[in-house]
């Protein structure tokens, strides 16, 4: 299970870092946790799956997902 401190730090990093999200300064509207961590079935080998919703794009500019290492966890950002 992810700690509250980890989740808060990840949200802060995503919301403020263009390097991590690749959203070129667009405003983050919402961040959603999904996958096994959201279901409560995560193991020590599970990645952290998040969706990042931004304003400003009429068509998808970044398709697929990005993988990043954050505080020892593999984070998949869609």
C-alpha atoms as a PDB file:
ATOM      1  CA  UNK A   1       0.000   0.000   0.000  1.00  0.00           C
ATOM      2  CA  UNK A   2       1.246   3.484  -0.840  1.00  0.00           C
ATOM      3  CA  UNK A   3       1.773   5.827   2.062  1.00  0.00           C
ATOM      4  CA  UNK A   4      -0.093   9.101   2.238  1.00  0.00           C
ATOM      5  CA  UNK A   5       3.266  10.911   2.190  1.00  0.00           C
ATOM      6  CA  UNK A   6       4.244   9.141  -1.056  1.00  0.00           C
ATOM      7  CA  UNK A   7       0.930  10.006  -2.726  1.00  0.00           C
ATOM      8  CA  UNK A   8       1.161  13.663  -1.671  1.00  0.00           C
ATOM      9  CA  UNK A   9       4.755  13.917  -2.926  1.00  0.00           C
ATOM     10  CA  UNK A  10       3.839  12.261  -6.245  1.00  0.00           C
ATOM     11  CA  UNK A  11       0.869  14.582  -6.787  1.00  0.00           C
ATOM     12  CA  UNK A  12       3.069  17.594  -6.025  1.00  0.00           C
ATOM     13  CA  UNK A  13       5.742  16.367  -8.451  1.00  0.00           C
ATOM     14  CA  UNK A  14       3.244  15.752 -11.246  1.00  0.00           C
ATOM     15  CA  UNK A  15       1.413  19.025 -10.713  1.00  0.00           C
ATOM     16  CA  UNK A  16       4.585  21.116 -10.846  1.00  0.00           C
ATOM     17  CA  UNK A  17       7.042  19.268 -13.076  1.00  0.00           C
ATOM     18  CA  UNK A  18       6.915  19.482 -16.860  1.00  0.00           C
ATOM     19  CA  UNK A  19       9.893  17.110 -16.937  1.00  0.00           C
ATOM     20  CA  UNK A  20       7.859  14.364 -15.335  1.00  0.00           C
ATOM     21  CA  UNK A  21       4.522  14.830 -17.074  1.00  0.00           C
ATOM     22  CA  UNK A  22       5.617  16.235 -20.424  1.00  0.00           C
ATOM     23  CA  UNK A  23       2.573  18.514 -20.562  1.00  0.00           C
ATOM     24  CA  UNK A  24       4.436  21.691 -21.521  1.00  0.00           C
ATOM     25  CA  UNK A  25       3.076  23.966 -18.821  1.00  0.00           C
ATOM     26  CA  UNK A  26      -0.589  23.045 -19.212  1.00  0.00           C
ATOM     27  CA  UNK A  27      -2.598  23.106 -16.014  1.00  0.00           C
ATOM     28  CA  UNK A  28      -3.170  19.784 -14.284  1.00  0.00           C
ATOM     29  CA  UNK A  29      -6.899  19.490 -13.582  1.00  0.00           C
ATOM     30  CA  UNK A  30      -6.961  16.084 -11.889  1.00  0.00           C
ATOM     31  CA  UNK A  31      -4.765  13.110 -11.078  1.00  0.00           C
ATOM     32  CA  UNK A  32      -6.326   9.675 -10.714  1.00  0.00           C
ATOM     33  CA  UNK A  33      -4.817   6.565  -9.154  1.00  0.00           C
ATOM     34  CA  UNK A  34      -5.776   3.375 -10.961  1.00  0.00           C
ATOM     35  CA  UNK A  35      -4.647  -0.227 -11.227  1.00  0.00           C
ATOM     36  CA  UNK A  36      -3.723  -2.559  -8.400  1.00  0.00           C
ATOM     37  CA  UNK A  37      -2.896   0.229  -5.924  1.00  0.00           C
ATOM     38  CA  UNK A  38      -6.389   1.670  -6.389  1.00  0.00           C
ATOM     39  CA  UNK A  39      -7.919  -1.796  -5.996  1.00  0.00           C
ATOM     40  CA  UNK A  40      -5.791  -2.599  -2.946  1.00  0.00           C
ATOM     41  CA  UNK A  41      -4.175  -5.654  -4.563  1.00  0.00           C
ATOM     42  CA  UNK A  42      -0.647  -4.285  -5.062  1.00  0.00           C
ATOM     43  CA  UNK A  43       2.429  -6.351  -4.302  1.00  0.00           C
ATOM     44  CA  UNK A  44       6.045  -5.334  -3.793  1.00  0.00           C
ATOM     45  CA  UNK A  45       6.519  -5.652  -7.577  1.00  0.00           C
ATOM     46  CA  UNK A  46       3.558  -3.504  -8.630  1.00  0.00           C
ATOM     47  CA  UNK A  47       3.959  -0.223 -10.471  1.00  0.00           C
ATOM     48  CA  UNK A  48       1.950   2.872  -9.619  1.00  0.00           C
ATOM     49  CA  UNK A  49      -0.587   3.705 -12.355  1.00  0.00           C
ATOM     50  CA  UNK A  50      -1.905   7.260 -12.569  1.00  0.00           C
ATOM     51  CA  UNK A  51      -3.925   9.264 -15.071  1.00  0.00           C
ATOM     52  CA  UNK A  52      -3.118  12.958 -15.419  1.00  0.00           C
ATOM     53  CA  UNK A  53      -5.903  15.156 -16.789  1.00  0.00           C
ATOM     54  CA  UNK A  54      -4.874  18.556 -18.166  1.00  0.00           C
ATOM     55  CA  UNK A  55      -6.662  21.486 -19.749  1.00  0.00           C
ATOM     56  CA  UNK A  56      -5.678  23.100 -22.982  1.00  0.00           C
ATOM     57  CA  UNK A  57      -5.559  20.297 -25.520  1.00  0.00           C
ATOM     58  CA  UNK A  58      -8.293  19.913 -28.113  1.00  0.00           C
ATOM     59  CA  UNK A  59      -6.614  16.783 -29.481  1.00  0.00           C
ATOM     60  CA  UNK A  60      -4.338  14.351 -27.671  1.00  0.00           C
ATOM     61  CA  UNK A  61      -0.739  15.515 -27.945  1.00  0.00           C
ATOM     62  CA  UNK A  62       0.773  12.823 -25.737  1.00  0.00           C
ATOM     63  CA  UNK A  63      -0.587   9.383 -26.451  1.00  0.00           C
ATOM     64  CA  UNK A  64       0.242   6.266 -24.509  1.00  0.00           C
ATOM     65  CA  UNK A  65       2.071   6.541 -21.240  1.00  0.00           C
ATOM     66  CA  UNK A  66       5.364   7.518 -19.661  1.00  0.00           C
ATOM     67  CA  UNK A  67       7.334   5.487 -17.143  1.00  0.00           C
ATOM     68  CA  UNK A  68       9.293   7.197 -14.371  1.00  0.00           C
ATOM     69  CA  UNK A  69      11.107   6.191 -11.215  1.00  0.00           C
ATOM     70  CA  UNK A  70       9.879   8.151  -8.185  1.00  0.00           C
ATOM     71  CA  UNK A  71      11.029   7.475  -4.632  1.00  0.00           C
ATOM     72  CA  UNK A  72      11.943   3.890  -5.497  1.00  0.00           C
ATOM     73  CA  UNK A  73       8.638   3.133  -7.235  1.00  0.00           C
ATOM     74  CA  UNK A  74       7.964   2.668 -10.942  1.00  0.00           C
ATOM     75  CA  UNK A  75       5.240   5.151 -11.914  1.00  0.00           C
ATOM     76  CA  UNK A  76       3.210   4.789 -15.120  1.00  0.00           C
ATOM     77  CA  UNK A  77       1.633   8.082 -16.192  1.00  0.00           C
ATOM     78  CA  UNK A  78      -1.152   8.205 -18.783  1.00  0.00           C
END
